[in-house]
Amino acid sequence: MKKTYAELTPEQQAEIDALMAMSEDEIDTSDIPEIVDWSNARRGMFHRLRQGLPPPSNEQR
């Protein structure tokens, strides 16, 4: 199922659709610098655990 976002213009949505149709080898990422120094990386920085809820059991998945 295709997910669309209300805040995107039709031109932006068309560009996203065109990128999604491309293979990863066809997308030019040469203008994006590669991160080679991961010494200051922090795992889980943007993930917030839900408080007060138990982890889902295998039956709930």
Protein backbone atom coordinates (compact mmCIF):
# COMPACT_ATOMS: atom_id res chain seq x y z
CA MET A 1 0.00 0.00 0.00
CA LYS A 2 1.32 3.42 -0.95
CA LYS A 3 1.61 5.86 1.93
CA THR A 4 1.15 9.56 1.17
CA TYR A 5 1.65 12.56 3.42
CA ALA A 6 -0.78 15.47 3.51
CA GLU A 7 1.96 18.08 3.89
CA LEU A 8 3.75 17.11 0.65
CA THR A 9 3.12 19.00 -2.55
CA PRO A 10 2.27 16.96 -5.67
CA GLU A 11 5.77 17.71 -7.01
CA GLN A 12 7.41 16.40 -3.83
CA GLN A 13 5.24 13.28 -3.88
CA ALA A 14 6.15 12.68 -7.53
CA GLU A 15 9.87 12.98 -6.69
CA ILE A 16 9.51 10.49 -3.82
CA ASP A 17 7.59 8.09 -6.05
CA ALA A 18 10.33 8.34 -8.71
CA LEU A 19 13.03 7.64 -6.10
CA MET A 20 11.11 4.67 -4.73
CA ALA A 21 10.88 3.20 -8.23
CA MET A 22 14.68 3.38 -8.66
CA SER A 23 17.10 0.72 -7.53
CA GLU A 24 19.66 1.73 -4.90
CA ASP A 25 22.44 1.67 -7.51
CA GLU A 26 20.63 4.27 -9.63
CA ILE A 27 20.29 6.84 -6.82
CA ASP A 28 23.16 9.38 -6.84
CA THR A 29 24.45 9.88 -3.30
CA SER A 30 27.84 11.34 -4.27
CA ASP A 31 26.96 14.74 -2.76
CA ILE A 32 26.27 13.18 0.67
CA PRO A 33 29.41 12.80 2.78
CA GLU A 34 30.06 9.34 4.19
CA ILE A 35 30.27 9.13 7.98
CA VAL A 36 33.48 7.33 8.86
CA ASP A 37 33.90 8.42 12.50
CA TRP A 38 31.24 6.76 14.68
CA SER A 39 33.08 7.43 17.97
CA ASN A 40 30.39 9.84 19.25
CA ALA A 41 27.44 7.72 18.10
CA ARG A 42 24.81 6.89 20.72
CA ARG A 43 22.50 3.90 20.41
CA GLY A 44 18.81 4.38 21.18
CA MET A 45 18.98 8.16 21.38
CA PHE A 46 15.74 8.70 19.47
CA HIS A 47 13.85 5.69 20.80
CA ARG A 48 11.65 6.19 23.84
CA LEU A 49 10.39 3.17 25.75
CA ARG A 50 6.72 3.11 26.64
CA GLN A 51 6.37 3.45 30.39
CA GLY A 52 4.05 1.13 32.29
CA LEU A 53 3.42 -1.32 29.46
CA PRO A 54 4.87 -4.82 29.51
CA PRO A 55 6.77 -5.97 26.42
CA PRO A 56 4.52 -7.73 23.88
CA SER A 57 4.27 -11.46 24.21
CA ASN A 58 4.62 -13.79 21.23
CA GLU A 59 0.82 -14.09 20.94
CA GLN A 60 0.44 -10.31 20.51
CA ARG A 61 2.87 -10.10 17.56
